[in-house]
Amino acid sequence: MASESELSKLQAVKELIFGQEIQDYDAEFKDIHKAIDDNKTQNAQDTIDQQKALSQLEKAITTRIDRLEADLMKKLTALDNKKTDRAKLGKMLIQIGEKLQDN
């Protein structure tokens, strides 16, 4: 097995030959990791913003549907009332016709 002094000599030679390249790669990897972390943070914030927007849209749509449903029910009730009035009018016309026949 190599002694510690031989290992340190090998380390020094390795550093001389590859030192700058290793430092450049380390710097690139750090930059890449920082970009990935920044993207993760931005994606998380975008997801939160999209969820808020979706929730607001859902509330707006629900409110609109509820309002339209209420308007529809009012109109249906008005139609029912008109039909009821027609039925009453028909009955009254029949009664008038019967009275006219009796006289």
C-alpha atoms as a PDB file:
ATOM      1  CA  MET A   1       0.000   0.000   0.000  1.00  0.00           C
ATOM      2  CA  ALA A   2       1.186   3.522  -0.771  1.00  0.00           C
ATOM      3  CA  SER A   3       2.377   5.677   2.052  1.00  0.00           C
ATOM      4  CA  GLU A   4       0.791   8.983   2.909  1.00  0.00           C
ATOM      5  CA  SER A   5       3.622  10.956   1.371  1.00  0.00           C
ATOM      6  CA  GLU A   6       3.211   9.088  -1.918  1.00  0.00           C
ATOM      7  CA  LEU A   7      -0.532   9.750  -1.835  1.00  0.00           C
ATOM      8  CA  SER A   8       0.026  13.427  -1.240  1.00  0.00           C
ATOM      9  CA  LYS A   9       2.536  13.530  -4.113  1.00  0.00           C
ATOM     10  CA  LEU A  10       0.002  11.841  -6.387  1.00  0.00           C
ATOM     11  CA  GLN A  11      -2.619  14.290  -5.209  1.00  0.00           C
ATOM     12  CA  ALA A  12      -0.290  17.193  -6.008  1.00  0.00           C
ATOM     13  CA  VAL A  13       0.434  15.838  -9.508  1.00  0.00           C
ATOM     14  CA  LYS A  14      -3.287  15.250 -10.092  1.00  0.00           C
ATOM     15  CA  GLU A  15      -3.990  18.794  -8.940  1.00  0.00           C
ATOM     16  CA  LEU A  16      -1.359  20.196 -11.303  1.00  0.00           C
ATOM     17  CA  ILE A  17      -2.664  18.243 -14.279  1.00  0.00           C
ATOM     18  CA  PHE A  18      -6.435  18.414 -13.699  1.00  0.00           C
ATOM     19  CA  GLY A  19      -6.837  21.111 -11.047  1.00  0.00           C
ATOM     20  CA  GLN A  20      -8.248  23.902 -13.191  1.00  0.00           C
ATOM     21  CA  GLU A  21     -10.553  21.573 -15.109  1.00  0.00           C
ATOM     22  CA  ILE A  22     -11.919  20.090 -11.892  1.00  0.00           C
ATOM     23  CA  GLN A  23     -12.535  23.567 -10.508  1.00  0.00           C
ATOM     24  CA  ASP A  24     -14.287  24.581 -13.739  1.00  0.00           C
ATOM     25  CA  TYR A  25     -16.496  21.487 -13.593  1.00  0.00           C
ATOM     26  CA  ASP A  26     -17.263  22.113  -9.943  1.00  0.00           C
ATOM     27  CA  ALA A  27     -18.252  25.701 -10.751  1.00  0.00           C
ATOM     28  CA  GLU A  28     -20.466  24.507 -13.623  1.00  0.00           C
ATOM     29  CA  PHE A  29     -22.120  21.902 -11.410  1.00  0.00           C
ATOM     30  CA  LYS A  30     -22.771  24.518  -8.733  1.00  0.00           C
ATOM     31  CA  ASP A  31     -24.314  26.818 -11.351  1.00  0.00           C
ATOM     32  CA  ILE A  32     -26.462  23.971 -12.673  1.00  0.00           C
ATOM     33  CA  HIS A  33     -27.610  23.035  -9.166  1.00  0.00           C
ATOM     34  CA  LYS A  34     -28.438  26.668  -8.434  1.00  0.00           C
ATOM     35  CA  ALA A  35     -30.449  26.925 -11.677  1.00  0.00           C
ATOM     36  CA  ILE A  36     -32.306  23.719 -10.804  1.00  0.00           C
ATOM     37  CA  ASP A  37     -33.087  24.994  -7.303  1.00  0.00           C
ATOM     38  CA  ASP A  38     -34.232  28.341  -8.715  1.00  0.00           C
ATOM     39  CA  ASN A  39     -36.485  26.526 -11.214  1.00  0.00           C
ATOM     40  CA  LYS A  40     -37.942  24.363  -8.454  1.00  0.00           C
ATOM     41  CA  THR A  41     -38.710  27.462  -6.400  1.00  0.00           C
ATOM     42  CA  GLN A  42     -40.256  29.248  -9.387  1.00  0.00           C
ATOM     43  CA  ASN A  43     -42.284  26.173 -10.340  1.00  0.00           C
ATOM     44  CA  ALA A  44     -43.596  25.854  -6.795  1.00  0.00           C
ATOM     45  CA  GLN A  45     -44.640  29.521  -6.806  1.00  0.00           C
ATOM     46  CA  ASP A  46     -46.227  29.153 -10.250  1.00  0.00           C
ATOM     47  CA  THR A  47     -48.166  26.127  -9.015  1.00  0.00           C
ATOM     48  CA  ILE A  48     -49.447  28.091  -6.017  1.00  0.00           C
ATOM     49  CA  ASP A  49     -50.443  31.005  -8.263  1.00  0.00           C
ATOM     50  CA  GLN A  50     -52.227  28.683 -10.688  1.00  0.00           C
ATOM     51  CA  GLN A  51     -54.085  26.968  -7.856  1.00  0.00           C
ATOM     52  CA  LYS A  52     -55.233  30.360  -6.536  1.00  0.00           C
ATOM     53  CA  ALA A  53     -56.352  31.439 -10.011  1.00  0.00           C
ATOM     54  CA  LEU A  54     -58.166  28.151 -10.526  1.00  0.00           C
ATOM     55  CA  SER A  55     -59.885  28.489  -7.165  1.00  0.00           C
ATOM     56  CA  GLN A  56     -61.008  32.028  -7.992  1.00  0.00           C
ATOM     57  CA  LEU A  57     -62.264  30.895 -11.381  1.00  0.00           C
ATOM     58  CA  GLU A  58     -64.143  28.021  -9.765  1.00  0.00           C
ATOM     59  CA  LYS A  59     -65.800  30.416  -7.300  1.00  0.00           C
ATOM     60  CA  ALA A  60     -66.726  32.824 -10.105  1.00  0.00           C
ATOM     61  CA  ILE A  61     -68.207  30.036 -12.207  1.00  0.00           C
ATOM     62  CA  THR A  62     -70.126  28.623  -9.240  1.00  0.00           C
ATOM     63  CA  THR A  63     -71.514  32.062  -8.436  1.00  0.00           C
ATOM     64  CA  ARG A  64     -72.520  32.591 -12.047  1.00  0.00           C
ATOM     65  CA  ILE A  65     -74.188  29.160 -12.265  1.00  0.00           C
ATOM     66  CA  ASP A  66     -76.073  29.802  -9.016  1.00  0.00           C
ATOM     67  CA  ARG A  67     -77.264  33.162 -10.317  1.00  0.00           C
ATOM     68  CA  LEU A  68     -78.364  31.651 -13.638  1.00  0.00           C
ATOM     69  CA  GLU A  69     -80.154  28.838 -11.826  1.00  0.00           C
ATOM     70  CA  ALA A  70     -82.022  31.331  -9.658  1.00  0.00           C
ATOM     71  CA  ASP A  71     -83.002  33.366 -12.744  1.00  0.00           C
ATOM     72  CA  LEU A  72     -84.191  30.206 -14.483  1.00  0.00           C
ATOM     73  CA  MET A  73     -86.303  29.204 -11.491  1.00  0.00           C
ATOM     74  CA  LYS A  74     -87.908  32.668 -11.412  1.00  0.00           C
ATOM     75  CA  LYS A  75     -88.750  32.421 -15.105  1.00  0.00           C
ATOM     76  CA  LEU A  76     -90.140  28.904 -14.696  1.00  0.00           C
ATOM     77  CA  THR A  77     -92.298  30.094 -11.821  1.00  0.00           C
ATOM     78  CA  ALA A  78     -93.532  33.003 -13.938  1.00  0.00           C
ATOM     79  CA  LEU A  79     -94.376  30.577 -16.763  1.00  0.00           C
ATOM     80  CA  ASP A  80     -96.236  28.328 -14.357  1.00  0.00           C
ATOM     81  CA  ASN A  81     -98.182  31.329 -13.123  1.00  0.00           C
ATOM     82  CA  LYS A  82     -99.090  32.310 -16.673  1.00  0.00           C
ATOM     83  CA  LYS A  83    -100.241  28.766 -17.411  1.00  0.00           C
ATOM     84  CA  THR A  84    -102.279  28.758 -14.223  1.00  0.00           C
ATOM     85  CA  ASP A  85    -103.853  32.047 -15.263  1.00  0.00           C
ATOM     86  CA  ARG A  86    -104.716  30.556 -18.646  1.00  0.00           C
ATOM     87  CA  ALA A  87    -106.345  27.609 -16.933  1.00  0.00           C
ATOM     88  CA  LYS A  88    -108.363  29.944 -14.741  1.00  0.00           C
ATOM     89  CA  LEU A  89    -109.324  32.004 -17.760  1.00  0.00           C
ATOM     90  CA  GLY A  90    -110.449  28.854 -19.576  1.00  0.00           C
ATOM     91  CA  LYS A  91    -112.583  27.798 -16.631  1.00  0.00           C
ATOM     92  CA  MET A  92    -114.128  31.246 -16.429  1.00  0.00           C
ATOM     93  CA  LEU A  93    -114.918  31.192 -20.153  1.00  0.00           C
ATOM     94  CA  ILE A  94    -116.595  27.803 -19.720  1.00  0.00           C
ATOM     95  CA  GLN A  95    -118.644  29.181 -16.814  1.00  0.00           C
ATOM     96  CA  ILE A  96    -119.651  32.212 -18.885  1.00  0.00           C
ATOM     97  CA  GLY A  97    -120.607  29.921 -21.770  1.00  0.00           C
ATOM     98  CA  GLU A  98    -122.706  27.807 -19.432  1.00  0.00           C
ATOM     99  CA  LYS A  99    -124.444  30.843 -17.980  1.00  0.00           C
ATOM    100  CA  LEU A 100    -125.162  32.142 -21.475  1.00  0.00           C
ATOM    101  CA  GLN A 101    -126.713  28.801 -22.414  1.00  0.00           C
ATOM    102  CA  ASP A 102    -128.854  28.826 -19.289  1.00  0.00           C
ATOM    103  CA  ASN A 103    -130.219  32.261 -20.010  1.00  0.00           C
END
